[in-house]
Protein backbone atom coordinates (compact mmCIF):
# COMPACT_ATOMS: atom_id res chain seq x y z
CA MET A 1 -2.60 -7.78 21.34
CA ASN A 2 -4.21 -4.22 21.50
CA LYS A 3 -7.38 -5.61 22.40
CA ARG A 4 -8.89 -2.44 22.39
CA PHE A 5 -7.77 -2.09 18.79
CA VAL A 6 -8.90 -5.61 17.53
CA ASN A 7 -11.97 -4.80 18.63
CA TYR A 8 -12.12 -0.88 17.28
CA ALA A 9 -11.29 -3.02 13.96
CA TRP A 10 -14.13 -5.61 13.89
CA GLY A 11 -16.61 -3.18 14.83
CA VAL A 12 -15.30 -0.78 11.64
CA VAL A 13 -15.53 -4.09 9.28
CA GLY A 14 -19.70 -4.72 10.60
CA TYR A 15 -20.53 -0.81 9.58
CA THR A 16 -18.85 -0.99 6.84
CA ILE A 17 -21.17 -3.85 6.14
CA LEU A 18 -24.50 -1.67 6.87
CA VAL A 19 -23.26 0.92 4.74
CA ILE A 20 -22.36 -1.89 1.40
CA LEU A 21 -26.32 -3.22 2.55
CA TRP A 22 -27.61 0.34 2.69
CA GLY A 23 -25.88 1.17 -0.88
CA THR A 24 -28.26 -2.34 -2.37
CA VAL A 25 -31.43 -0.34 -1.05
CA VAL A 26 -30.12 3.04 -3.06
CA ARG A 27 -29.43 1.01 -6.17
CA ALA A 28 -32.61 -1.26 -5.25
CA THR A 29 -34.77 2.11 -5.16
CA GLY A 30 -33.68 4.04 -8.09
CA SER A 31 -32.12 6.10 -5.30
CA GLY A 32 -28.81 6.88 -7.14
CA ALA A 33 -30.47 10.26 -8.55
CA GLY A 34 -31.58 11.55 -5.41
CA CYS A 35 -29.72 14.20 -5.17
CA GLY A 36 -29.46 14.59 -8.72
CA ASN A 37 -25.48 15.37 -10.84
CA HIS A 38 -23.96 17.18 -7.92
CA TRP A 39 -21.45 15.15 -5.66
CA PRO A 40 -20.33 15.60 -3.00
CA ARG A 41 -23.23 18.49 -1.91
CA CYS A 42 -26.92 17.00 -2.87
CA ASN A 43 -28.78 18.98 -5.31
CA GLY A 44 -26.37 21.90 -4.61
CA GLU A 45 -26.95 21.95 -0.97
CA ILE A 46 -24.53 20.34 1.62
CA ILE A 47 -27.68 19.38 4.00
CA PRO A 48 -31.03 19.39 1.07
CA THR A 49 -34.26 19.70 1.56
CA PRO A 50 -36.18 16.62 1.79
CA GLU A 51 -38.38 17.09 -1.53
CA SER A 52 -38.18 13.60 -2.34
CA ILE A 53 -37.83 9.51 -0.17
CA GLU A 54 -34.77 9.18 -3.09
CA THR A 55 -33.30 12.56 -2.23
CA MET A 56 -32.90 11.48 1.53
CA ILE A 57 -32.23 7.67 0.94
CA GLU A 58 -29.27 8.19 -1.32
CA PHE A 59 -28.21 11.78 0.96
CA ALA A 60 -28.22 9.04 4.15
CA HIS A 61 -26.27 6.57 1.79
CA ARG A 62 -23.44 9.59 1.67
CA LEU A 63 -23.34 10.58 4.89
CA THR A 64 -23.26 7.26 6.51
CA SER A 65 -20.14 6.66 3.89
CA GLY A 66 -18.61 9.42 4.97
CA LEU A 67 -18.64 8.13 8.66
CA ALA A 68 -16.98 4.94 6.74
CA GLY A 69 -14.39 7.22 5.77
CA VAL A 70 -13.40 8.66 8.77
CA LEU A 71 -13.45 5.91 10.56
CA VAL A 72 -10.61 3.76 8.41
CA LEU A 73 -9.03 6.59 8.50
CA ALA A 74 -9.02 6.73 12.43
CA LEU A 75 -7.90 2.65 11.97
CA ALA A 76 -5.12 3.64 9.57
CA ALA A 77 -3.53 6.71 12.13
CA TRP A 78 -4.17 3.59 15.07
CA ALA A 79 -2.79 0.80 13.00
CA TRP A 80 0.09 3.68 12.81
CA ARG A 81 0.76 4.50 16.50
CA ALA A 82 -0.12 1.04 17.49
CA TYR A 83 1.89 -1.52 15.83
CA PRO A 84 5.72 -1.44 14.24
CA ALA A 85 6.11 -1.23 10.85
CA GLY A 86 4.14 -4.31 9.03
CA ALA A 87 1.28 -6.76 7.99
CA VAL A 88 -0.93 -4.15 10.36
CA ARG A 89 -0.09 -1.37 8.93
CA ARG A 90 0.14 -2.40 5.99
CA TRP A 91 -3.15 -3.78 5.38
CA ALA A 92 -4.74 -1.03 7.04
CA GLY A 93 -3.34 2.10 4.94
CA LEU A 94 -4.77 -0.64 2.04
CA SER A 95 -8.04 -0.39 3.62
CA LEU A 96 -7.71 3.57 3.88
CA PHE A 97 -6.67 3.60 0.04
CA PHE A 98 -9.43 0.74 -0.96
CA ILE A 99 -12.47 3.13 1.11
CA ILE A 100 -10.48 6.37 -1.18
CA VAL A 101 -10.87 3.87 -4.45
CA GLU A 102 -14.74 3.48 -3.40
CA GLY A 103 -15.80 7.31 -2.71
CA TRP A 104 -14.02 7.83 -6.00
CA VAL A 105 -16.31 5.30 -8.11
CA GLY A 106 -19.19 7.05 -6.11
CA MET A 107 -18.54 10.22 -7.08
CA LEU A 108 -18.00 8.74 -10.84
CA LEU A 109 -21.45 6.99 -10.99
CA VAL A 110 -22.99 9.96 -9.47
CA ARG A 111 -21.30 12.60 -11.93
CA LEU A 112 -21.74 10.63 -15.05
CA GLU A 113 -24.77 9.52 -13.96
CA LEU A 114 -24.56 6.42 -14.18
CA VAL A 115 -27.98 5.87 -11.20
CA GLN A 116 -31.48 5.23 -11.80
CA ASP A 117 -32.65 4.28 -15.35
CA ASN A 118 -29.22 4.53 -17.37
CA ALA A 119 -28.68 0.61 -19.07
CA SER A 120 -25.87 1.62 -20.53
CA THR A 121 -22.08 -0.59 -20.94
CA LEU A 122 -20.36 1.63 -18.95
CA ARG A 123 -23.02 1.66 -15.94
CA ALA A 124 -22.39 -2.10 -15.99
CA VAL A 125 -18.62 -2.01 -15.87
CA VAL A 126 -18.81 -0.14 -13.48
CA ILE A 127 -20.72 -1.51 -10.78
CA ALA A 128 -18.65 -5.35 -11.44
CA LEU A 129 -15.51 -2.81 -10.27
CA HIS A 130 -17.80 -0.94 -7.84
CA LEU A 131 -18.49 -4.81 -6.31
CA ILE A 132 -14.61 -5.74 -6.85
CA ASN A 133 -13.37 -2.64 -4.69
CA THR A 134 -16.40 -3.17 -2.34
CA PHE A 135 -14.78 -6.57 -1.88
CA LEU A 136 -11.11 -5.69 -1.66
CA LEU A 137 -12.09 -2.83 1.13
CA LEU A 138 -14.35 -5.54 3.03
CA GLY A 139 -11.37 -8.23 2.92
CA SER A 140 -8.72 -5.03 3.64
CA LEU A 141 -10.40 -4.83 7.14
CA SER A 142 -11.17 -8.08 7.93
CA VAL A 143 -7.48 -9.18 7.47
CA THR A 144 -5.94 -5.95 9.59
CA ALA A 145 -8.48 -7.04 12.54
CA TRP A 146 -7.96 -10.60 11.65
CA LEU A 147 -3.84 -10.01 12.12
CA ALA A 148 -4.14 -7.68 15.19
CA GLY A 149 -6.33 -10.45 16.70
CA ARG A 150 -2.93 -12.57 16.15
CA GLY A 151 -0.40 -10.51 16.57
CA GLY A 152 0.66 -9.89 13.44
CA TRP A 153 1.95 -11.58 10.77
CA ARG A 154 3.75 -15.08 11.13
CA GLY A 155 4.72 -15.88 8.27
CA TRP A 156 3.64 -18.84 5.38
CA ARG A 157 2.69 -22.18 6.31
CA ALA A 158 5.24 -24.30 4.98
CA GLU A 159 3.58 -25.30 1.53
CA THR A 160 0.55 -27.90 1.11
CA GLY A 161 0.20 -27.66 -2.60
CA LEU A 162 -3.37 -25.53 -1.57
CA ARG A 163 -1.78 -21.95 -2.36
CA GLY A 164 -3.28 -21.78 -5.75
CA MET A 165 -6.29 -23.58 -5.25
CA VAL A 166 -7.32 -21.32 -2.68
CA VAL A 167 -5.86 -18.43 -4.27
CA PHE A 168 -8.21 -19.58 -7.29
CA GLY A 169 -11.17 -19.92 -4.87
CA LEU A 170 -10.42 -16.15 -3.86
CA VAL A 171 -10.61 -14.76 -7.71
CA ALA A 172 -13.93 -16.87 -8.62
CA ALA A 173 -15.44 -15.02 -5.40
CA MET A 174 -14.76 -12.02 -7.14
CA GLY A 175 -15.55 -12.82 -10.17
CA LEU A 176 -19.41 -14.54 -9.01
CA SER A 177 -19.79 -11.75 -6.74
CA ALA A 178 -19.34 -9.03 -9.68
CA ALA A 179 -21.62 -11.19 -11.84
CA GLY A 180 -24.00 -11.21 -9.15
CA ALA A 181 -23.92 -7.16 -9.19
CA VAL A 182 -24.51 -6.67 -12.58
CA THR A 183 -27.53 -9.67 -12.52
CA ALA A 184 -29.05 -7.15 -9.56
CA LEU A 185 -28.76 -4.60 -11.85
CA GLY A 186 -30.40 -6.11 -14.51
CA ASP A 187 -33.17 -7.06 -12.01
CA THR A 188 -34.14 -3.37 -10.43
CA LEU A 189 -33.70 -1.86 -14.52
CA PHE A 190 -36.07 -4.72 -15.87
CA PRO A 191 -38.13 -6.25 -13.22
CA ALA A 192 -40.05 -9.42 -14.57
CA GLU A 193 -44.03 -9.51 -14.12
CA SER A 194 -43.60 -13.25 -13.18
CA LEU A 195 -40.65 -16.44 -13.33
CA ALA A 196 -42.03 -17.66 -16.67
CA ALA A 197 -42.36 -14.09 -17.88
CA GLY A 198 -38.72 -13.84 -16.63
CA LEU A 199 -37.14 -17.03 -18.43
CA GLN A 200 -38.74 -15.55 -21.45
CA GLN A 201 -36.98 -12.60 -21.06
CA ASP A 202 -33.76 -14.66 -20.21
CA LEU A 203 -34.13 -16.75 -23.50
CA ASP A 204 -35.18 -13.82 -25.79
CA PRO A 205 -32.30 -13.06 -28.45
CA THR A 206 -33.13 -10.11 -28.81
CA ALA A 207 -33.71 -8.60 -25.14
CA HIS A 208 -31.56 -5.71 -23.92
CA PHE A 209 -27.56 -7.23 -23.02
CA LEU A 210 -28.38 -7.05 -19.13
CA ILE A 211 -31.03 -9.19 -19.44
CA GLN A 212 -29.46 -11.60 -21.07
CA LEU A 213 -26.17 -11.69 -18.42
CA ARG A 214 -28.27 -12.40 -15.97
CA VAL A 215 -28.27 -16.79 -16.73
CA ILE A 216 -24.42 -16.34 -15.75
CA HIS A 217 -24.81 -15.77 -12.60
CA PRO A 218 -26.99 -18.65 -10.69
CA ALA A 219 -24.46 -21.00 -13.89
CA LEU A 220 -21.54 -19.47 -12.29
CA ALA A 221 -22.73 -19.75 -8.53
CA LEU A 222 -23.10 -23.66 -8.58
CA MET A 223 -19.81 -24.09 -10.15
CA SER A 224 -18.21 -22.04 -8.15
CA ALA A 225 -19.72 -23.73 -4.90
CA VAL A 226 -18.62 -27.16 -5.96
CA TYR A 227 -15.53 -25.99 -6.34
CA LEU A 228 -15.67 -24.25 -3.20
CA PHE A 229 -17.15 -27.18 -1.73
CA TRP A 230 -14.42 -29.62 -3.17
CA LEU A 231 -11.72 -27.11 -1.76
CA GLY A 232 -12.81 -27.26 1.87
CA GLY A 233 -12.48 -31.36 1.40
CA ARG A 234 -8.95 -30.72 0.52
CA ILE A 235 -8.41 -28.29 3.00
CA THR A 236 -9.71 -30.25 5.67
CA ALA A 237 -8.11 -33.55 4.41
CA ALA A 238 -4.46 -31.08 4.95
CA ASN A 239 -5.16 -31.64 8.76
CA LEU A 240 -3.58 -28.42 9.18
CA GLY A 241 -5.45 -27.90 12.77
CA ALA A 242 -9.13 -27.35 14.82
CA GLY A 243 -9.49 -23.62 13.90
CA VAL A 244 -8.93 -24.31 9.64
CA GLU A 245 -11.71 -26.78 9.95
CA ARG A 246 -13.98 -24.60 11.55
CA TRP A 247 -13.48 -21.96 9.11
CA VAL A 248 -14.39 -25.09 5.81
CA THR A 249 -17.25 -25.47 8.49
CA ARG A 250 -18.49 -21.57 8.52
CA LEU A 251 -17.34 -21.52 4.81
CA TYR A 252 -20.11 -24.12 3.92
CA ALA A 253 -22.60 -23.31 6.55
CA VAL A 254 -22.86 -19.72 5.08
CA MET A 255 -22.92 -21.02 0.64
CA GLY A 256 -25.29 -23.89 1.42
CA LEU A 257 -27.46 -20.36 2.93
CA GLN A 258 -26.65 -17.94 0.08
CA ILE A 259 -27.65 -21.01 -2.39
CA LEU A 260 -31.29 -21.49 -1.17
CA VAL A 261 -31.65 -17.54 -0.83
CA GLY A 262 -30.20 -17.29 -4.33
CA PHE A 263 -33.15 -19.55 -5.46
CA VAL A 264 -36.14 -17.65 -3.46
CA ASN A 265 -34.69 -14.47 -4.19
CA VAL A 266 -34.97 -15.64 -7.94
CA ALA A 267 -38.47 -17.67 -7.32
CA LEU A 268 -39.76 -13.74 -5.63
CA LEU A 269 -38.85 -11.98 -8.87
CA ALA A 270 -35.65 -9.96 -6.13
CA PRO A 271 -37.50 -7.94 -3.57
CA VAL A 272 -35.42 -5.25 -2.61
CA TRP A 273 -34.90 -6.98 0.70
CA MET A 274 -34.17 -10.04 -0.62
CA GLN A 275 -31.60 -8.23 -2.41
CA VAL A 276 -30.26 -6.70 0.59
CA ILE A 277 -30.55 -10.92 2.57
CA HIS A 278 -28.73 -11.53 -0.82
CA LEU A 279 -26.06 -9.01 -0.58
CA LEU A 280 -25.20 -9.84 3.27
CA LEU A 281 -24.65 -13.53 2.43
CA ALA A 282 -22.56 -12.24 -0.13
CA ASP A 283 -20.47 -10.00 2.54
CA LEU A 284 -20.39 -12.74 5.16
CA PHE A 285 -19.46 -15.51 2.19
CA TRP A 286 -16.58 -13.65 0.75
CA LEU A 287 -15.58 -13.07 4.05
CA ALA A 288 -15.32 -16.53 5.31
CA LEU A 289 -13.59 -17.45 2.36
CA LEU A 290 -10.72 -14.89 2.62
CA LEU A 291 -10.45 -15.90 6.54
CA LEU A 292 -10.05 -19.66 5.71
CA ALA A 293 -7.45 -18.80 3.15
CA ALA A 294 -5.55 -16.99 5.86
CA GLU A 295 -5.78 -19.43 8.06
CA THR A 296 -5.17 -22.37 5.99
CA LEU A 297 -2.27 -20.17 4.03
CA SER A 298 -0.45 -18.20 7.41
CA GLU A 299 1.75 -19.94 9.41
CA PRO A 300 -0.64 -21.00 12.98
CA THR A 301 0.00 -18.90 16.13
CA ALA A 302 1.52 -21.04 18.78
């Protein structure tokens, strides 16, 4: 095991989460148009004049995202030099691919002006796809670090009947999070003055589609939670080892906290700081589920 590489890989995961959270600040504060529709320049300049707080928020996001790209490129290059052909190289290469796609989607949002007050169907679709790609990026980085930490891929565990259930859970989690991204967009563009007013908006058949879609995310969240708590019980009953059971416990803890924060977020009418916390827990939930899946489905280390 290359301990320095493993530490670096997990460091890139942590930094990427910070970049993702700052992206939420950009969206929640309406700062996506802070650099106009210019990309990669900001308002036509390499280093923009700090004319507004929105410009600085957006420019800071571009700088931190660019650094993330450099870090992932270095990760892929290091993996290529430090590891033989195999899983670590492949997943590091996937990480590089997904961060390139991430940059391309960011450019698309800016160039097509799918920012600020834009409430189009296209923006909702791109936002959902953006979230899915973000999760794929975060997942590929985490699997790279996880594989490097255990010395590479050791093969699939003998069939336990859990594979299809675990894969369904991963797909459901991505769908749930994509719906959450669209819900957050609706909360930003159509803020409610009170909880009662928000419920009235949700039930109004003439309301904007982003408002009408807001009820989908909490419904999916409750259904997904029931399924994943059940899945955790099935995995625990399979007696796959203490390592797997620890990840089940972590998943339960993050899910329980996320559900609580979700209710608080609704009650407080989704302030920016709560949106950041909610997304942080969504990222941790995704990593816990993904690494539980990896531990469940892979051959254990000796």
